[in-house]
Amino acid sequence: MNFKHLFYFWKVATSGGVLRAAEQLHTTPQTLSGQIKLLEEQLGKPLFRKAGRTLALTEAGELALDYAGEIFSLGNELEDMLANDSAAGQSMEFRVGVADALPNAIVQRLLMPVLALDTPVHLICREWRIDRLLSELAVHRLDLVLTDSPVPSGYSIKAFSHRLGASPMAFFAAPALAARCAEKPFPQCLHGAPMLLLSEDSAVRRQCEELVRSWQIRPRVVAEFDDSGLMKAFGREGHGIFMAPSVLSAETCNQFGVQEIGRTQEIEQAYYAITVQKRITHPCTEAIARTAREGLFTLGQPG
């Protein structure tokens, strides 16, 4: 396969059309069209079809785009790794985007093995909303996104979700509020009780709302947060009940001076590594996935 032809196809598919791709590549639209035609002849299938005044990918084109994106991403990764290896004393840069709903303690546990690799790593963490993180990933300003849900449907970027694991959720409250909750069994004690929730972007928030409806109870939501750490800080001061992964129950109680009032298997916080590669190949991402597989999300579970 002529990878120059494949690269031209990939640029047209990802930049929005032949004219824009030609401008970026400093060539003519006719040259691009001719190169893509040669690629289609070699593959034996059309990659584009007319859709009004624009081009749309065929089924074969969608498949080719997936592979092309992975091929050129791996090529960039190879160049970066070789450049890092050849530069004496330099470390490998690894840029991670973290969804702000994720607990810092879980993120820290996932990322710690990255700094223990044989190759020195310069770790850069960015915490934003998921839409901003995925945009940065799409243009290769991030190597990895850690979040609590797969890539949402409707996003036009090519990214792949790798599930790392999940933890059931527990409910926590400051001692005085926990004592009032103890007057009723869980989960009935949540009815009418002050509740602190993550924002509507959080997968845990959506699960919680569905579950309390099925329980036929109605907590009193007093505050919503993008950041889970800030939510726990308000919970520490007794402003409401909050949720945290049960895998972190002992740590949450010790750090914030709260008590666990109940837990459920019906709400879980999942953890995903989102990359532009279909397969995990980056050594740092491999270390993260390995840590998750080796029991990170079973620590602190009952029994």
Protein backbone atom coordinates (compact mmCIF):
# COMPACT_ATOMS: atom_id res chain seq x y z
CA MET A 1 0.00 0.00 0.00
CA ASN A 2 1.19 3.48 -0.84
CA PHE A 3 1.03 5.27 2.54
CA LYS A 4 1.25 8.66 0.90
CA HIS A 5 -2.08 7.95 -0.80
CA LEU A 6 -3.48 6.75 2.54
CA PHE A 7 -2.26 9.92 4.23
CA TYR A 8 -3.97 12.09 1.63
CA PHE A 9 -7.21 10.16 2.15
CA TRP A 10 -6.90 10.58 5.93
CA LYS A 11 -6.34 14.34 5.64
CA VAL A 12 -9.38 14.78 3.38
CA ALA A 13 -11.56 12.70 5.71
CA THR A 14 -10.47 14.52 8.89
CA SER A 15 -10.13 18.10 7.65
CA GLY A 16 -13.59 18.51 6.15
CA GLY A 17 -13.05 18.13 2.42
CA VAL A 18 -10.65 18.20 -0.51
CA LEU A 19 -10.25 21.96 -0.67
CA ARG A 20 -9.36 22.38 2.99
CA ALA A 21 -7.01 19.39 2.93
CA ALA A 22 -5.29 20.78 -0.18
CA GLU A 23 -4.70 24.09 1.59
CA GLN A 24 -3.19 22.33 4.61
CA LEU A 25 -0.96 20.13 2.44
CA HIS A 26 0.02 22.97 0.07
CA THR A 27 -1.07 21.03 -2.99
CA THR A 28 -3.92 21.18 -5.49
CA PRO A 29 -7.36 19.59 -5.11
CA GLN A 30 -6.78 17.79 -8.41
CA THR A 31 -3.62 16.15 -7.05
CA LEU A 32 -5.41 15.01 -3.91
CA SER A 33 -8.37 13.61 -5.84
CA GLY A 34 -6.04 11.75 -8.19
CA GLN A 35 -4.06 10.19 -5.32
CA ILE A 36 -7.24 9.08 -3.53
CA LYS A 37 -8.53 7.59 -6.79
CA LEU A 38 -5.36 5.48 -7.03
CA LEU A 39 -5.90 4.30 -3.44
CA GLU A 40 -9.51 3.33 -4.20
CA GLU A 41 -8.36 1.38 -7.25
CA GLN A 42 -5.79 -0.45 -5.15
CA LEU A 43 -8.31 -1.30 -2.43
CA GLY A 44 -11.00 -2.19 -4.93
CA LYS A 45 -13.72 -0.12 -3.24
CA PRO A 46 -14.79 3.53 -3.23
CA LEU A 47 -13.93 5.41 -0.04
CA PHE A 48 -16.08 8.50 -0.61
CA ARG A 49 -19.54 9.13 -1.99
CA LYS A 50 -21.24 12.36 -3.03
CA ALA A 51 -23.55 13.88 -0.39
CA GLY A 52 -24.91 17.04 -1.95
CA ARG A 53 -21.99 19.42 -2.39
CA THR A 54 -19.80 17.54 0.05
CA LEU A 55 -18.19 14.14 0.33
CA ALA A 56 -19.24 11.44 2.81
CA LEU A 57 -17.37 8.29 3.73
CA THR A 58 -18.61 4.97 2.45
CA GLU A 59 -18.65 1.94 4.72
CA ALA A 60 -15.23 1.00 3.36
CA GLY A 61 -14.09 4.58 3.91
CA GLU A 62 -15.14 4.46 7.59
CA LEU A 63 -13.11 1.28 8.06
CA ALA A 64 -10.11 2.74 6.21
CA LEU A 65 -10.29 5.91 8.34
CA ASP A 66 -10.14 3.88 11.56
CA TYR A 67 -7.01 2.06 10.41
CA ALA A 68 -5.41 5.18 8.92
CA GLY A 69 -5.89 7.12 12.16
CA GLU A 70 -4.27 4.34 14.14
CA ILE A 71 -1.39 3.98 11.66
CA PHE A 72 -0.47 7.66 11.70
CA SER A 73 -0.99 7.98 15.45
CA LEU A 74 1.41 5.08 15.98
CA GLY A 75 3.86 6.75 13.61
CA ASN A 76 3.78 9.95 15.65
CA GLU A 77 4.16 7.93 18.83
CA LEU A 78 7.20 6.14 17.40
CA GLU A 79 8.83 9.44 16.45
CA ASP A 80 8.20 10.84 19.94
CA MET A 81 9.60 7.77 21.68
CA LEU A 82 12.71 7.64 19.48
CA ALA A 83 13.27 11.34 19.97
CA ASN A 84 13.02 10.89 23.72
CA ASP A 85 15.39 7.92 23.66
CA SER A 86 17.97 9.78 21.61
CA ALA A 87 17.95 12.87 23.79
CA ALA A 88 20.25 12.14 26.72
CA GLY A 89 18.72 13.00 30.08
CA GLN A 90 15.32 13.87 28.63
CA SER A 91 12.12 12.21 29.83
CA MET A 92 9.15 10.95 27.85
CA GLU A 93 6.25 13.40 27.99
CA PHE A 94 2.86 11.89 28.81
CA ARG A 95 -0.14 14.22 28.70
CA VAL A 96 -3.29 13.07 30.50
CA GLY A 97 -6.69 14.72 30.62
CA VAL A 98 -8.80 13.94 33.69
CA ALA A 99 -12.56 14.44 33.90
CA ASP A 100 -13.21 16.60 36.94
CA ALA A 101 -15.87 14.21 38.30
CA LEU A 102 -13.27 11.51 39.01
CA PRO A 103 -11.99 11.16 42.60
CA ASN A 104 -8.42 12.37 42.93
CA ALA A 105 -7.45 9.30 44.96
CA ILE A 106 -8.44 6.92 42.13
CA VAL A 107 -6.68 9.05 39.52
CA GLN A 108 -3.54 9.13 41.64
CA ARG A 109 -3.54 5.34 42.04
CA LEU A 110 -3.96 4.89 38.30
CA LEU A 111 -1.17 7.30 37.40
CA MET A 112 1.44 6.37 40.00
CA PRO A 113 2.81 3.39 37.98
CA VAL A 114 3.56 5.78 35.12
CA LEU A 115 6.24 7.46 37.25
CA ALA A 116 7.71 4.05 38.16
CA LEU A 117 8.52 3.03 34.58
CA ASP A 118 12.15 2.36 33.63
CA THR A 119 11.99 5.24 31.15
CA PRO A 120 11.77 8.63 32.91
CA VAL A 121 8.35 10.20 32.34
CA HIS A 122 7.33 13.84 32.45
CA LEU A 123 3.67 13.57 33.47
CA ILE A 124 1.33 16.44 32.59
CA CYS A 125 -2.24 16.36 33.96
CA ARG A 126 -5.06 18.58 32.77
CA GLU A 127 -8.52 18.64 34.41
CA TRP A 128 -11.42 19.86 32.26
CA ARG A 129 -14.93 18.99 31.17
CA ILE A 130 -15.17 15.93 28.94
CA ASP A 131 -16.00 17.88 25.75
CA ARG A 132 -12.84 19.98 26.10
CA LEU A 133 -10.74 16.91 26.90
CA LEU A 134 -11.94 15.03 23.83
CA SER A 135 -11.26 18.05 21.63
CA GLU A 136 -7.68 18.21 22.93
CA LEU A 137 -7.28 14.45 22.41
CA ALA A 138 -8.50 14.72 18.81
CA VAL A 139 -5.73 17.16 17.91
CA HIS A 140 -3.08 15.13 19.82
CA ARG A 141 -2.57 17.69 22.57
CA LEU A 142 -3.40 14.85 24.99
CA ASP A 143 -2.22 11.26 24.90
CA LEU A 144 -4.99 9.90 27.11
CA VAL A 145 -8.26 10.92 28.72
CA LEU A 146 -9.44 9.36 32.00
CA THR A 147 -13.18 9.64 32.52
CA ASP A 148 -16.22 7.90 34.01
CA SER A 149 -18.01 7.04 30.77
CA PRO A 150 -17.23 5.96 27.20
CA VAL A 151 -17.02 8.48 24.37
CA PRO A 152 -20.53 9.97 24.16
CA SER A 153 -22.53 9.21 21.05
CA GLY A 154 -22.71 12.04 18.56
CA TYR A 155 -19.06 13.09 18.86
CA SER A 156 -17.42 13.29 15.45
CA ILE A 157 -13.91 12.54 16.67
CA LYS A 158 -12.38 9.09 16.25
CA ALA A 159 -11.54 7.86 19.74
CA PHE A 160 -11.74 4.51 21.48
CA SER A 161 -12.92 3.75 25.02
CA HIS A 162 -11.03 1.15 27.08
CA ARG A 163 -12.85 0.17 30.28
CA LEU A 164 -10.43 -0.03 33.21
CA GLY A 165 -12.85 -1.13 35.92
CA ALA A 166 -15.58 0.13 38.22
CA SER A 167 -16.46 0.56 41.87
CA PRO A 168 -19.91 0.45 43.50
CA MET A 169 -20.85 3.66 45.26
CA ALA A 170 -21.27 4.36 48.96
CA PHE A 171 -23.08 7.22 50.72
CA PHE A 172 -21.31 9.34 53.34
CA ALA A 173 -22.29 12.03 55.83
CA ALA A 174 -20.72 14.07 58.61
CA PRO A 175 -21.27 12.50 62.07
CA ALA A 176 -24.26 14.63 63.13
CA LEU A 177 -26.08 14.06 59.84
CA ALA A 178 -25.11 10.36 59.87
CA ALA A 179 -26.67 10.02 63.34
CA ARG A 180 -29.97 11.43 62.05
CA CYS A 181 -29.82 9.04 59.08
CA ALA A 182 -29.32 6.10 61.47
CA GLU A 183 -32.89 6.60 62.73
CA LYS A 184 -34.15 4.95 59.52
CA PRO A 185 -32.78 2.04 57.49
CA PHE A 186 -30.83 2.68 54.31
CA PRO A 187 -31.93 3.78 51.70
CA GLN A 188 -35.15 5.13 53.27
CA CYS A 189 -32.99 7.48 55.36
CA LEU A 190 -32.18 9.39 52.18
CA HIS A 191 -35.79 10.53 51.74
CA GLY A 192 -35.93 14.27 52.43
CA ALA A 193 -32.28 14.32 53.51
CA PRO A 194 -29.92 17.02 52.15
CA MET A 195 -27.91 15.66 49.23
CA LEU A 196 -24.77 16.85 47.45
CA LEU A 197 -24.50 15.66 43.85
CA LEU A 198 -22.06 15.83 40.97
CA SER A 199 -23.13 17.78 37.89
CA GLU A 200 -25.47 16.36 35.27
CA ASP A 201 -22.47 15.43 33.09
CA SER A 202 -21.56 12.71 35.59
CA ALA A 203 -22.60 9.13 34.81
CA VAL A 204 -22.94 8.49 38.56
CA ARG A 205 -25.39 11.39 38.90
CA ARG A 206 -27.64 9.93 36.19
CA GLN A 207 -27.57 6.47 37.79
CA CYS A 208 -28.42 7.94 41.19
CA GLU A 209 -31.44 9.82 39.87
CA GLU A 210 -32.80 6.67 38.22
CA LEU A 211 -32.25 4.58 41.33
CA VAL A 212 -33.91 6.91 43.84
CA ARG A 213 -36.95 7.02 41.56
CA SER A 214 -37.08 3.21 41.64
CA TRP A 215 -36.71 3.34 45.44
CA GLN A 216 -39.60 5.86 45.50
CA ILE A 217 -37.66 8.28 47.65
CA ARG A 218 -36.77 11.92 47.06
CA PRO A 219 -33.62 13.39 48.62
CA ARG A 220 -33.39 17.19 48.89
CA VAL A 221 -30.61 18.32 46.55
CA VAL A 222 -28.89 21.32 48.13
CA ALA A 223 -25.83 21.68 45.87
CA GLU A 224 -24.26 20.38 42.66
CA PHE A 225 -20.56 20.27 41.80
CA ASP A 226 -18.29 19.63 38.83
CA ASP A 227 -15.42 18.75 41.16
CA SER A 228 -15.79 15.72 43.43
CA GLY A 229 -13.20 17.04 45.90
CA LEU A 230 -15.16 20.24 46.48
CA MET A 231 -18.34 18.20 46.95
CA LYS A 232 -16.66 16.13 49.69
CA ALA A 233 -15.38 19.28 51.38
CA PHE A 234 -18.97 20.53 51.69
CA GLY A 235 -20.01 17.11 52.93
CA ARG A 236 -17.33 17.25 55.62
CA GLU A 237 -18.97 20.43 56.97
CA GLY A 238 -22.33 18.65 57.27
CA HIS A 239 -24.10 20.34 54.36
CA GLY A 240 -25.34 17.09 52.88
CA ILE A 241 -24.89 13.42 52.04
CA PHE A 242 -22.55 12.66 49.18
CA MET A 243 -21.45 9.63 47.20
CA ALA A 244 -17.94 8.26 46.72
CA PRO A 245 -16.58 4.94 45.42
CA SER A 246 -16.86 2.20 48.04
CA VAL A 247 -13.31 1.18 47.12
CA LEU A 248 -12.27 4.43 48.83
CA SER A 249 -14.58 4.10 51.84
CA ALA A 250 -11.92 3.93 54.58
CA GLU A 251 -9.85 6.66 52.95
CA THR A 252 -12.89 8.94 52.52
CA CYS A 253 -13.91 8.50 56.16
CA ASN A 254 -10.40 9.19 57.45
CA GLN A 255 -9.67 12.14 55.20
CA PHE A 256 -12.99 13.98 55.55
CA GLY A 257 -14.11 12.86 59.01
CA VAL A 258 -17.36 11.38 57.70
CA GLN A 259 -19.19 8.09 58.17
CA GLU A 260 -20.51 5.62 55.60
CA ILE A 261 -24.27 5.33 55.93
CA GLY A 262 -24.89 2.78 53.17
CA ARG A 263 -23.78 1.46 49.80
CA THR A 264 -25.35 -0.03 46.72
CA GLN A 265 -24.21 -2.24 43.86
CA GLU A 266 -26.80 -0.55 41.61
CA ILE A 267 -24.73 2.62 41.22
CA GLU A 268 -21.14 2.29 40.11
CA GLN A 269 -18.47 4.68 39.02
CA ALA A 270 -16.73 3.27 35.99
CA TYR A 271 -13.31 4.32 34.77
CA TYR A 272 -12.32 4.55 31.12
CA ALA A 273 -9.09 5.27 29.31
CA ILE A 274 -9.91 7.03 26.04
CA THR A 275 -7.29 7.04 23.30
CA VAL A 276 -7.11 7.68 19.58
CA GLN A 277 -5.72 4.17 19.11
CA LYS A 278 -7.96 1.14 18.86
CA ARG A 279 -5.39 -0.87 20.83
CA ILE A 280 -3.45 0.30 23.88
CA THR A 281 0.19 0.60 22.81
CA HIS A 282 1.67 3.53 24.71
CA PRO A 283 3.81 2.21 27.60
CA CYS A 284 2.29 4.69 30.05
CA THR A 285 -1.26 3.74 29.11
CA GLU A 286 -0.28 0.06 29.33
CA ALA A 287 0.97 0.66 32.89
CA ILE A 288 -2.34 2.29 33.82
CA ALA A 289 -4.39 -0.56 32.36
CA ARG A 290 -2.20 -3.13 34.10
CA THR A 291 -2.69 -1.41 37.47
CA ALA A 292 -6.46 -1.48 37.00
CA ARG A 293 -6.42 -5.18 36.05
CA GLU A 294 -4.34 -6.13 39.08
CA GLY A 295 -7.08 -5.35 41.57
CA LEU A 296 -7.29 -1.58 42.04
CA PHE A 297 -11.10 -1.68 42.08
CA THR A 298 -11.46 -4.61 44.49
CA LEU A 299 -9.63 -2.93 47.37
CA GLY A 300 -11.92 -2.02 50.21
CA GLN A 301 -14.88 -4.10 48.97
CA PRO A 302 -16.92 -5.93 51.62
CA GLY A 303 -16.24 -9.62 52.23
